[in-house]
Amino acid sequence: MLGIHHYWLFIATAILLIITPGQDTFFILGRSLSGGRQAGIAAALGVSAGTVVHTVLAALGLSALLATSPNAFMAVKLAGATYLVYIGVRALWSRASGIPGEVSGENGRDSAHASRVAFRQGVLTNLLNPKVALFFLALLPQFIEAGSANKVGAFLALGLSFVAMGLVWCVMLAIAAASLRGLFLRRPSMSTLLNRFAGAVFIGLGIKLATSRQ
């Protein structure tokens, strides 16, 4: 169907890759610990939405531009790194100043706002990670027959399968991390520590992305 072969092997490979901790994993954990379950799930949905966009771009061949243009790759990578550092600084400043910001807020309007922000951040951090685009270009073609008459359909089918499995895993991580947050917040001082931890994680991810060679 659609020229896809060894689909079972693709599923097994995808599962191993999904459960391997990476930038998206730590981003979702950070948002869950600092903002709670709703923010964590919203971040997971945002990351998944970004991955859908990467899938479509890979299917259309647009992501190949990042693979062939070092300047384009570097520009996207630095933009993503800058955004992650920005999120981290905002997380640290929000709690330090005592103002309900993008990372805090658990009830009513604050909770809804935090969820929207977490979703938007999830989309942007995923889209601005060029390694995700290159990953799809490297992995998906291995499971598509060279003579397939519907390569775009095959790309989309494999990519959306990956997204669906990743979403389930990310939501599970968000819920688990949010549960741990509830235990920590029984001590008032832990709220500030969690926010600072999340900010440090985001800044660390940004620096790691900016300094990576590939």
C-alpha atoms as a PDB file:
ATOM      1  CA  MET A   1       0.000   0.000   0.000  1.00  0.00           C
ATOM      2  CA  LEU A   2       1.444   3.347  -1.155  1.00  0.00           C
ATOM      3  CA  GLY A   3       4.718   1.584  -1.773  1.00  0.00           C
ATOM      4  CA  ILE A   4       5.558   1.240   1.929  1.00  0.00           C
ATOM      5  CA  HIS A   5       7.604  -1.818   2.866  1.00  0.00           C
ATOM      6  CA  HIS A   6       8.636  -3.296   6.208  1.00  0.00           C
ATOM      7  CA  TYR A   7       6.080  -1.190   8.049  1.00  0.00           C
ATOM      8  CA  TRP A   8       6.512  -3.304  11.184  1.00  0.00           C
ATOM      9  CA  LEU A   9      10.222  -2.443  11.209  1.00  0.00           C
ATOM     10  CA  PHE A  10       9.380   1.236  10.827  1.00  0.00           C
ATOM     11  CA  ILE A  11       7.042   1.020  13.836  1.00  0.00           C
ATOM     12  CA  ALA A  12       9.708  -0.693  15.948  1.00  0.00           C
ATOM     13  CA  THR A  13      12.324   1.872  14.905  1.00  0.00           C
ATOM     14  CA  ALA A  14       9.948   4.755  15.567  1.00  0.00           C
ATOM     15  CA  ILE A  15       9.125   3.502  19.067  1.00  0.00           C
ATOM     16  CA  LEU A  16      12.802   3.270  19.990  1.00  0.00           C
ATOM     17  CA  LEU A  17      13.448   6.760  18.656  1.00  0.00           C
ATOM     18  CA  ILE A  18      10.405   8.236  20.374  1.00  0.00           C
ATOM     19  CA  ILE A  19      11.276   6.931  23.837  1.00  0.00           C
ATOM     20  CA  THR A  20      14.887   8.098  23.486  1.00  0.00           C
ATOM     21  CA  PRO A  21      15.128  11.424  25.394  1.00  0.00           C
ATOM     22  CA  GLY A  22      15.709  14.443  23.191  1.00  0.00           C
ATOM     23  CA  GLN A  23      14.994  18.160  22.955  1.00  0.00           C
ATOM     24  CA  ASP A  24      11.217  17.702  22.675  1.00  0.00           C
ATOM     25  CA  THR A  25      11.161  15.314  25.639  1.00  0.00           C
ATOM     26  CA  PHE A  26      12.956  17.714  27.946  1.00  0.00           C
ATOM     27  CA  PHE A  27      10.902  20.651  26.723  1.00  0.00           C
ATOM     28  CA  ILE A  28       7.649  18.858  27.575  1.00  0.00           C
ATOM     29  CA  LEU A  29       8.982  17.741  30.948  1.00  0.00           C
ATOM     30  CA  GLY A  30      10.044  21.300  31.728  1.00  0.00           C
ATOM     31  CA  ARG A  31       6.662  22.731  30.797  1.00  0.00           C
ATOM     32  CA  SER A  32       4.837  20.061  32.800  1.00  0.00           C
ATOM     33  CA  LEU A  33       6.938  20.620  35.906  1.00  0.00           C
ATOM     34  CA  SER A  34       6.639  24.394  35.735  1.00  0.00           C
ATOM     35  CA  GLY A  35       3.092  24.831  34.423  1.00  0.00           C
ATOM     36  CA  GLY A  36       1.212  21.683  35.373  1.00  0.00           C
ATOM     37  CA  ARG A  37      -0.705  19.017  33.461  1.00  0.00           C
ATOM     38  CA  GLN A  38      -2.608  21.311  31.087  1.00  0.00           C
ATOM     39  CA  ALA A  39       0.532  23.182  30.072  1.00  0.00           C
ATOM     40  CA  GLY A  40       2.437  19.911  29.634  1.00  0.00           C
ATOM     41  CA  ILE A  41      -0.239  18.359  27.434  1.00  0.00           C
ATOM     42  CA  ALA A  42      -0.515  21.589  25.449  1.00  0.00           C
ATOM     43  CA  ALA A  43       3.251  21.505  24.903  1.00  0.00           C
ATOM     44  CA  ALA A  44       2.994  17.883  23.719  1.00  0.00           C
ATOM     45  CA  LEU A  45       0.242  18.845  21.273  1.00  0.00           C
ATOM     46  CA  GLY A  46       2.340  21.754  20.038  1.00  0.00           C
ATOM     47  CA  VAL A  47       5.374  19.549  19.456  1.00  0.00           C
ATOM     48  CA  SER A  48       3.193  17.061  17.579  1.00  0.00           C
ATOM     49  CA  ALA A  49       1.708  19.856  15.453  1.00  0.00           C
ATOM     50  CA  GLY A  50       5.217  20.960  14.560  1.00  0.00           C
ATOM     51  CA  THR A  51       6.111  17.400  13.610  1.00  0.00           C
ATOM     52  CA  VAL A  52       3.085  17.252  11.302  1.00  0.00           C
ATOM     53  CA  VAL A  53       4.406  20.332   9.515  1.00  0.00           C
ATOM     54  CA  HIS A  54       7.831  18.689   9.183  1.00  0.00           C
ATOM     55  CA  THR A  55       6.138  15.613   7.732  1.00  0.00           C
ATOM     56  CA  VAL A  56       4.308  17.655   5.101  1.00  0.00           C
ATOM     57  CA  LEU A  57       7.454  19.604   4.218  1.00  0.00           C
ATOM     58  CA  ALA A  58       9.457  16.393   3.885  1.00  0.00           C
ATOM     59  CA  ALA A  59       6.750  14.874   1.691  1.00  0.00           C
ATOM     60  CA  LEU A  60       6.848  17.920  -0.583  1.00  0.00           C
ATOM     61  CA  GLY A  61      10.645  17.917  -0.653  1.00  0.00           C
ATOM     62  CA  LEU A  62      10.993  21.366   0.907  1.00  0.00           C
ATOM     63  CA  SER A  63      12.993  20.094   3.874  1.00  0.00           C
ATOM     64  CA  ALA A  64      15.728  19.050   1.432  1.00  0.00           C
ATOM     65  CA  LEU A  65      16.694  22.729   1.315  1.00  0.00           C
ATOM     66  CA  LEU A  66      18.045  22.431   4.849  1.00  0.00           C
ATOM     67  CA  ALA A  67      20.093  19.416   3.849  1.00  0.00           C
ATOM     68  CA  THR A  68      21.668  21.153   0.849  1.00  0.00           C
ATOM     69  CA  SER A  69      22.078  24.683   2.225  1.00  0.00           C
ATOM     70  CA  PRO A  70      24.448  25.024   5.208  1.00  0.00           C
ATOM     71  CA  ASN A  71      23.462  28.676   5.617  1.00  0.00           C
ATOM     72  CA  ALA A  72      19.754  27.869   5.799  1.00  0.00           C
ATOM     73  CA  PHE A  73      20.425  25.071   8.273  1.00  0.00           C
ATOM     74  CA  MET A  74      22.528  27.335  10.487  1.00  0.00           C
ATOM     75  CA  ALA A  75      19.964  30.150  10.366  1.00  0.00           C
ATOM     76  CA  VAL A  76      17.119  27.872  11.454  1.00  0.00           C
ATOM     77  CA  LYS A  77      19.267  26.239  14.139  1.00  0.00           C
ATOM     78  CA  LEU A  78      20.337  29.562  15.654  1.00  0.00           C
ATOM     79  CA  ALA A  79      16.754  30.844  15.558  1.00  0.00           C
ATOM     80  CA  GLY A  80      15.603  27.764  17.435  1.00  0.00           C
ATOM     81  CA  ALA A  81      18.402  28.024  19.971  1.00  0.00           C
ATOM     82  CA  THR A  82      17.649  31.701  20.569  1.00  0.00           C
ATOM     83  CA  TYR A  83      13.977  30.968  21.122  1.00  0.00           C
ATOM     84  CA  LEU A  84      14.737  28.230  23.654  1.00  0.00           C
ATOM     85  CA  VAL A  85      17.042  30.543  25.596  1.00  0.00           C
ATOM     86  CA  TYR A  86      14.349  33.233  25.476  1.00  0.00           C
ATOM     87  CA  ILE A  87      11.783  30.830  26.955  1.00  0.00           C
ATOM     88  CA  GLY A  88      14.238  29.878  29.695  1.00  0.00           C
ATOM     89  CA  VAL A  89      14.976  33.481  30.625  1.00  0.00           C
ATOM     90  CA  ARG A  90      11.257  34.286  30.710  1.00  0.00           C
ATOM     91  CA  ALA A  91      10.684  31.303  32.988  1.00  0.00           C
ATOM     92  CA  LEU A  92      13.355  32.455  35.412  1.00  0.00           C
ATOM     93  CA  TRP A  93      12.252  36.091  35.367  1.00  0.00           C
ATOM     94  CA  SER A  94       8.549  35.302  35.678  1.00  0.00           C
ATOM     95  CA  ARG A  95       8.900  33.548  39.020  1.00  0.00           C
ATOM     96  CA  ALA A  96      11.704  35.761  40.272  1.00  0.00           C
ATOM     97  CA  SER A  97       9.607  38.886  39.818  1.00  0.00           C
ATOM     98  CA  GLY A  98       6.549  37.309  41.395  1.00  0.00           C
ATOM     99  CA  ILE A  99       4.384  38.125  38.383  1.00  0.00           C
ATOM    100  CA  PRO A 100       2.151  35.365  36.983  1.00  0.00           C
ATOM    101  CA  GLY A 101       3.831  34.792  33.651  1.00  0.00           C
ATOM    102  CA  GLU A 102       3.869  32.367  30.816  1.00  0.00           C
ATOM    103  CA  VAL A 103       5.238  29.501  32.845  1.00  0.00           C
ATOM    104  CA  SER A 104       3.126  29.891  35.939  1.00  0.00           C
ATOM    105  CA  GLY A 105      -0.610  30.007  36.473  1.00  0.00           C
ATOM    106  CA  GLU A 106      -2.785  27.012  37.153  1.00  0.00           C
ATOM    107  CA  ASN A 107      -6.404  28.121  37.457  1.00  0.00           C
ATOM    108  CA  GLY A 108      -8.960  29.826  35.259  1.00  0.00           C
ATOM    109  CA  ARG A 109      -7.643  32.492  32.928  1.00  0.00           C
ATOM    110  CA  ASP A 110      -4.003  31.964  33.913  1.00  0.00           C
ATOM    111  CA  SER A 111      -4.246  28.230  33.185  1.00  0.00           C
ATOM    112  CA  ALA A 112      -5.839  28.771  29.779  1.00  0.00           C
ATOM    113  CA  HIS A 113      -3.223  31.385  28.904  1.00  0.00           C
ATOM    114  CA  ALA A 114      -0.373  29.109  30.042  1.00  0.00           C
ATOM    115  CA  SER A 115      -1.744  26.287  27.884  1.00  0.00           C
ATOM    116  CA  ARG A 116      -1.943  28.495  24.789  1.00  0.00           C
ATOM    117  CA  VAL A 117       1.589  29.716  25.372  1.00  0.00           C
ATOM    118  CA  ALA A 118       2.872  26.166  25.935  1.00  0.00           C
ATOM    119  CA  PHE A 119       1.245  24.996  22.690  1.00  0.00           C
ATOM    120  CA  ARG A 120       2.740  27.867  20.714  1.00  0.00           C
ATOM    121  CA  GLN A 121       6.162  27.284  22.228  1.00  0.00           C
ATOM    122  CA  GLY A 122       5.936  23.571  21.442  1.00  0.00           C
ATOM    123  CA  VAL A 123       5.169  24.283  17.798  1.00  0.00           C
ATOM    124  CA  LEU A 124       7.966  26.822  17.421  1.00  0.00           C
ATOM    125  CA  THR A 125      10.674  24.863  19.223  1.00  0.00           C
ATOM    126  CA  ASN A 126       9.937  21.838  17.054  1.00  0.00           C
ATOM    127  CA  LEU A 127       9.727  23.776  13.788  1.00  0.00           C
ATOM    128  CA  LEU A 128      12.944  25.658  14.550  1.00  0.00           C
ATOM    129  CA  ASN A 129      14.893  22.460  15.105  1.00  0.00           C
ATOM    130  CA  PRO A 130      16.369  21.616  11.665  1.00  0.00           C
ATOM    131  CA  LYS A 131      17.467  18.215  12.913  1.00  0.00           C
ATOM    132  CA  VAL A 132      13.834  17.112  12.925  1.00  0.00           C
ATOM    133  CA  ALA A 133      13.512  17.972   9.229  1.00  0.00           C
ATOM    134  CA  LEU A 134      16.704  16.112   8.372  1.00  0.00           C
ATOM    135  CA  PHE A 135      15.574  13.166  10.500  1.00  0.00           C
ATOM    136  CA  PHE A 136      12.432  12.730   8.414  1.00  0.00           C
ATOM    137  CA  LEU A 137      14.401  13.030   5.185  1.00  0.00           C
ATOM    138  CA  ALA A 138      16.848  10.361   6.379  1.00  0.00           C
ATOM    139  CA  LEU A 139      14.433   7.869   7.961  1.00  0.00           C
ATOM    140  CA  LEU A 140      11.220   7.799   5.953  1.00  0.00           C
ATOM    141  CA  PRO A 141      12.657   7.102   2.473  1.00  0.00           C
ATOM    142  CA  GLN A 142      14.181   3.862   3.774  1.00  0.00           C
ATOM    143  CA  PHE A 143      10.682   2.416   4.089  1.00  0.00           C
ATOM    144  CA  ILE A 144       9.335   3.643   0.748  1.00  0.00           C
ATOM    145  CA  GLU A 145       9.854   1.679  -2.456  1.00  0.00           C
ATOM    146  CA  ALA A 146      11.898   3.532  -5.044  1.00  0.00           C
ATOM    147  CA  GLY A 147       9.313   2.803  -7.719  1.00  0.00           C
ATOM    148  CA  SER A 148       6.319   3.919  -5.661  1.00  0.00           C
ATOM    149  CA  ALA A 149       3.851   5.976  -7.675  1.00  0.00           C
ATOM    150  CA  ASN A 150       2.661   7.820  -4.576  1.00  0.00           C
ATOM    151  CA  LYS A 151       5.730   8.816  -2.615  1.00  0.00           C
ATOM    152  CA  VAL A 152       3.994  11.852  -1.112  1.00  0.00           C
ATOM    153  CA  GLY A 153       1.217   9.638   0.252  1.00  0.00           C
ATOM    154  CA  ALA A 154       3.775   7.196   1.637  1.00  0.00           C
ATOM    155  CA  PHE A 155       5.693  10.014   3.338  1.00  0.00           C
ATOM    156  CA  LEU A 156       2.516  11.318   4.912  1.00  0.00           C
ATOM    157  CA  ALA A 157       1.377   7.872   6.076  1.00  0.00           C
ATOM    158  CA  LEU A 158       4.722   7.092   7.721  1.00  0.00           C
ATOM    159  CA  GLY A 159       5.097  10.573   9.160  1.00  0.00           C
ATOM    160  CA  LEU A 160       1.622  10.664  10.659  1.00  0.00           C
ATOM    161  CA  SER A 161       2.161   7.200  12.141  1.00  0.00           C
ATOM    162  CA  PHE A 162       5.270   8.559  13.823  1.00  0.00           C
ATOM    163  CA  VAL A 163       3.378  11.631  15.034  1.00  0.00           C
ATOM    164  CA  ALA A 164       0.538   9.543  16.510  1.00  0.00           C
ATOM    165  CA  MET A 165       2.894   7.317  18.485  1.00  0.00           C
ATOM    166  CA  GLY A 166       4.955  10.297  19.591  1.00  0.00           C
ATOM    167  CA  LEU A 167       1.879  12.149  20.786  1.00  0.00           C
ATOM    168  CA  VAL A 168       0.793   9.239  22.987  1.00  0.00           C
ATOM    169  CA  TRP A 169       4.257   9.033  24.543  1.00  0.00           C
ATOM    170  CA  CYS A 170       4.570  12.790  25.043  1.00  0.00           C
ATOM    171  CA  VAL A 171       1.160  13.064  26.715  1.00  0.00           C
ATOM    172  CA  MET A 172       2.116  10.223  29.056  1.00  0.00           C
ATOM    173  CA  LEU A 173       5.332  12.076  29.945  1.00  0.00           C
ATOM    174  CA  ALA A 174       3.418  15.301  30.540  1.00  0.00           C
ATOM    175  CA  ILE A 175       0.921  13.628  32.875  1.00  0.00           C
ATOM    176  CA  ALA A 176       3.650  11.801  34.796  1.00  0.00           C
ATOM    177  CA  ALA A 177       5.758  14.939  35.213  1.00  0.00           C
ATOM    178  CA  ALA A 178       2.714  16.962  36.294  1.00  0.00           C
ATOM    179  CA  SER A 179       1.954  14.342  38.944  1.00  0.00           C
ATOM    180  CA  LEU A 180       5.448  14.725  40.359  1.00  0.00           C
ATOM    181  CA  ARG A 181       4.962  18.476  40.328  1.00  0.00           C
ATOM    182  CA  GLY A 182       1.952  18.059  42.598  1.00  0.00           C
ATOM    183  CA  LEU A 183       4.133  16.304  45.142  1.00  0.00           C
ATOM    184  CA  PHE A 184       6.772  19.013  44.976  1.00  0.00           C
ATOM    185  CA  LEU A 185       4.305  21.868  45.342  1.00  0.00           C
ATOM    186  CA  ARG A 186       3.248  20.705  48.772  1.00  0.00           C
ATOM    187  CA  ARG A 187       6.238  22.739  49.863  1.00  0.00           C
ATOM    188  CA  PRO A 188       5.814  26.402  48.809  1.00  0.00           C
ATOM    189  CA  SER A 189       9.504  26.898  48.102  1.00  0.00           C
ATOM    190  CA  MET A 190       9.414  24.116  45.499  1.00  0.00           C
ATOM    191  CA  SER A 191       7.289  26.213  43.136  1.00  0.00           C
ATOM    192  CA  THR A 192      10.124  28.679  42.647  1.00  0.00           C
ATOM    193  CA  LEU A 193      12.662  25.874  42.353  1.00  0.00           C
ATOM    194  CA  LEU A 194      10.604  24.099  39.690  1.00  0.00           C
ATOM    195  CA  ASN A 195      10.315  27.264  37.644  1.00  0.00           C
ATOM    196  CA  ARG A 196      14.038  27.870  37.906  1.00  0.00           C
ATOM    197  CA  PHE A 197      14.730  24.264  36.980  1.00  0.00           C
ATOM    198  CA  ALA A 198      12.510  24.532  33.913  1.00  0.00           C
ATOM    199  CA  GLY A 199      14.186  27.792  32.893  1.00  0.00           C
ATOM    200  CA  ALA A 200      17.624  26.227  33.247  1.00  0.00           C
ATOM    201  CA  VAL A 201      16.525  23.240  31.149  1.00  0.00           C
ATOM    202  CA  PHE A 202      15.293  25.482  28.328  1.00  0.00           C
ATOM    203  CA  ILE A 203      18.461  27.574  28.366  1.00  0.00           C
ATOM    204  CA  GLY A 204      20.583  24.412  28.379  1.00  0.00           C
ATOM    205  CA  LEU A 205      18.660  23.023  25.402  1.00  0.00           C
ATOM    206  CA  GLY A 206      19.179  26.264  23.515  1.00  0.00           C
ATOM    207  CA  ILE A 207      22.908  26.271  24.150  1.00  0.00           C
ATOM    208  CA  LYS A 208      23.158  22.605  23.185  1.00  0.00           C
ATOM    209  CA  LEU A 209      21.313  23.206  19.925  1.00  0.00           C
ATOM    210  CA  ALA A 210      23.408  26.271  19.081  1.00  0.00           C
ATOM    211  CA  THR A 211      26.740  24.554  19.744  1.00  0.00           C
ATOM    212  CA  SER A 212      25.959  21.213  18.090  1.00  0.00           C
ATOM    213  CA  ARG A 213      27.980  20.539  14.970  1.00  0.00           C
ATOM    214  CA  GLN A 214      25.129  19.025  13.005  1.00  0.00           C
END
